[in-house]
C-alpha atoms as a PDB file:
ATOM      1  CA  MET A   1      -0.310  -6.529   9.363  1.00  0.00           C
ATOM      2  CA  LYS A   2      -2.475  -9.016   8.047  1.00  0.00           C
ATOM      3  CA  GLY A   3      -6.041  -8.983   6.882  1.00  0.00           C
ATOM      4  CA  VAL A   4      -8.504 -10.952   8.466  1.00  0.00           C
ATOM      5  CA  LYS A   5     -10.051 -13.789   7.096  1.00  0.00           C
ATOM      6  CA  TYR A   6     -13.576 -14.449   7.335  1.00  0.00           C
ATOM      7  CA  VAL A   7     -14.659 -18.254   6.885  1.00  0.00           C
ATOM      8  CA  THR A   8     -18.174 -17.221   5.688  1.00  0.00           C
ATOM      9  CA  THR A   9     -19.764 -13.836   4.422  1.00  0.00           C
ATOM     10  CA  TYR A  10     -23.298 -12.926   4.283  1.00  0.00           C
ATOM     11  CA  ARG A  11     -23.913 -10.300   1.469  1.00  0.00           C
ATOM     12  CA  VAL A  12     -26.644  -8.175   1.298  1.00  0.00           C
ATOM     13  CA  SER A  13     -27.757  -6.771  -1.929  1.00  0.00           C
ATOM     14  CA  HIS A  14     -30.470  -4.909  -3.715  1.00  0.00           C
ATOM     15  CA  GLY A  15     -31.951  -7.593  -6.071  1.00  0.00           C
ATOM     16  CA  PRO A  16     -33.349  -7.266  -9.719  1.00  0.00           C
ATOM     17  CA  SER A  17     -36.797  -7.928  -8.163  1.00  0.00           C
ATOM     18  CA  GLY A  18     -36.550  -4.939  -6.172  1.00  0.00           C
ATOM     19  CA  ARG A  19     -36.264  -6.881  -2.921  1.00  0.00           C
ATOM     20  CA  TRP A  20     -33.099  -7.122  -0.609  1.00  0.00           C
ATOM     21  CA  GLU A  21     -31.195 -10.810  -1.009  1.00  0.00           C
ATOM     22  CA  ILE A  22     -28.863 -12.317   1.559  1.00  0.00           C
ATOM     23  CA  PHE A  23     -26.231 -14.449  -0.141  1.00  0.00           C
ATOM     24  CA  GLN A  24     -24.076 -16.679   1.804  1.00  0.00           C
ATOM     25  CA  THR A  25     -20.260 -17.266   0.696  1.00  0.00           C
ATOM     26  CA  GLY A  26     -20.283 -19.244  -2.710  1.00  0.00           C
ATOM     27  CA  SER A  27     -23.889 -19.462  -3.222  1.00  0.00           C
ATOM     28  CA  THR A  28     -25.444 -18.132  -6.355  1.00  0.00           C
ATOM     29  CA  PHE A  29     -29.003 -18.177  -5.059  1.00  0.00           C
ATOM     30  CA  PRO A  30     -30.063 -16.112  -2.212  1.00  0.00           C
ATOM     31  CA  LEU A  31     -30.770 -17.556   1.118  1.00  0.00           C
ATOM     32  CA  VAL A  32     -33.707 -15.274   1.719  1.00  0.00           C
ATOM     33  CA  ASP A  33     -34.720 -11.917   0.501  1.00  0.00           C
ATOM     34  CA  PHE A  34     -36.809  -9.082   2.376  1.00  0.00           C
ATOM     35  CA  SER A  35     -38.699  -5.811   1.163  1.00  0.00           C
ATOM     36  CA  THR A  36     -36.601  -3.853   3.434  1.00  0.00           C
ATOM     37  CA  LYS A  37     -32.698  -3.220   3.568  1.00  0.00           C
ATOM     38  CA  VAL A  38     -33.271  -2.719   7.506  1.00  0.00           C
ATOM     39  CA  ASP A  39     -34.758  -6.271   7.634  1.00  0.00           C
ATOM     40  CA  ALA A  40     -32.240  -7.758   5.374  1.00  0.00           C
ATOM     41  CA  LEU A  41     -29.363  -6.538   7.095  1.00  0.00           C
ATOM     42  CA  SER A  42     -30.979  -7.342  10.808  1.00  0.00           C
ATOM     43  CA  TYR A  43     -31.196 -11.118   9.555  1.00  0.00           C
ATOM     44  CA  ALA A  44     -27.913 -10.802   8.199  1.00  0.00           C
ATOM     45  CA  HIS A  45     -26.513  -9.676  11.430  1.00  0.00           C
ATOM     46  CA  TYR A  46     -28.625 -12.089  13.120  1.00  0.00           C
ATOM     47  CA  LEU A  47     -26.945 -15.235  10.983  1.00  0.00           C
ATOM     48  CA  SER A  48     -23.507 -13.696  11.320  1.00  0.00           C
ATOM     49  CA  ASP A  49     -23.815 -13.464  15.120  1.00  0.00           C
ATOM     50  CA  SER A  50     -24.848 -17.185  15.261  1.00  0.00           C
ATOM     51  CA  HIS A  51     -21.638 -18.243  13.290  1.00  0.00           C
ATOM     52  CA  PRO A  52     -18.293 -17.326  14.693  1.00  0.00           C
ATOM     53  CA  GLY A  53     -15.908 -16.302  11.764  1.00  0.00           C
ATOM     54  CA  SER A  54     -18.394 -14.688   9.379  1.00  0.00           C
ATOM     55  CA  VAL A  55     -19.048 -11.037   8.655  1.00  0.00           C
ATOM     56  CA  VAL A  56     -22.052  -9.272   6.838  1.00  0.00           C
ATOM     57  CA  LYS A  57     -21.023  -6.959   3.676  1.00  0.00           C
ATOM     58  CA  THR A  58     -23.160  -4.871   1.788  1.00  0.00           C
ATOM     59  CA  MET A  59     -23.409  -3.417  -1.771  1.00  0.00           C
ATOM     60  CA  ASN A  60     -22.971   0.398  -2.251  1.00  0.00           C
ATOM     61  CA  PRO A  61     -24.949   2.155  -4.936  1.00  0.00           C
ATOM     62  CA  GLN A  62     -21.947   1.391  -7.392  1.00  0.00           C
ATOM     63  CA  GLY A  63     -22.092  -2.100  -6.940  1.00  0.00           C
ATOM     64  CA  LYS A  64     -18.890  -2.687  -4.847  1.00  0.00           C
ATOM     65  CA  ILE A  65     -18.948  -4.731  -1.724  1.00  0.00           C
ATOM     66  CA  ILE A  66     -18.271  -2.723   1.415  1.00  0.00           C
ATOM     67  CA  THR A  67     -18.204  -4.116   5.123  1.00  0.00           C
ATOM     68  CA  ASP A  68     -21.535  -3.064   6.786  1.00  0.00           C
ATOM     69  CA  ARG A  69     -20.142  -3.580  10.254  1.00  0.00           C
ATOM     70  CA  GLN A  70     -16.520  -2.526  11.090  1.00  0.00           C
ATOM     71  CA  GLU A  71     -14.419  -5.732  10.824  1.00  0.00           C
ATOM     72  CA  VAL A  72     -12.031  -6.585  13.510  1.00  0.00           C
ATOM     73  CA  ASP A  73      -8.367  -6.925  12.952  1.00  0.00           C
ATOM     74  CA  TYR A  74      -7.367  -9.593  15.266  1.00  0.00           C
ATOM     75  CA  ASP A  75      -3.635  -9.208  14.300  1.00  0.00           C
ATOM     76  CA  ARG A  76      -3.364  -5.642  16.299  1.00  0.00           C
END
């Protein structure tokens, strides 16, 4: 079984300013930031839903990227 390859990843992380930032694949600067995680995730999911082949990931407290939504394995 192969892993799923996504064209774009929207990564949500808690920034040094205390705001929740959304980064797009390959970007070193956030697209946008929000005061709450819920708002950031909501907008990241909106972006992902608008762009087929994308996924939203978030950072856990240890700084490891984890999948925010269950990824679909199309090879099953």
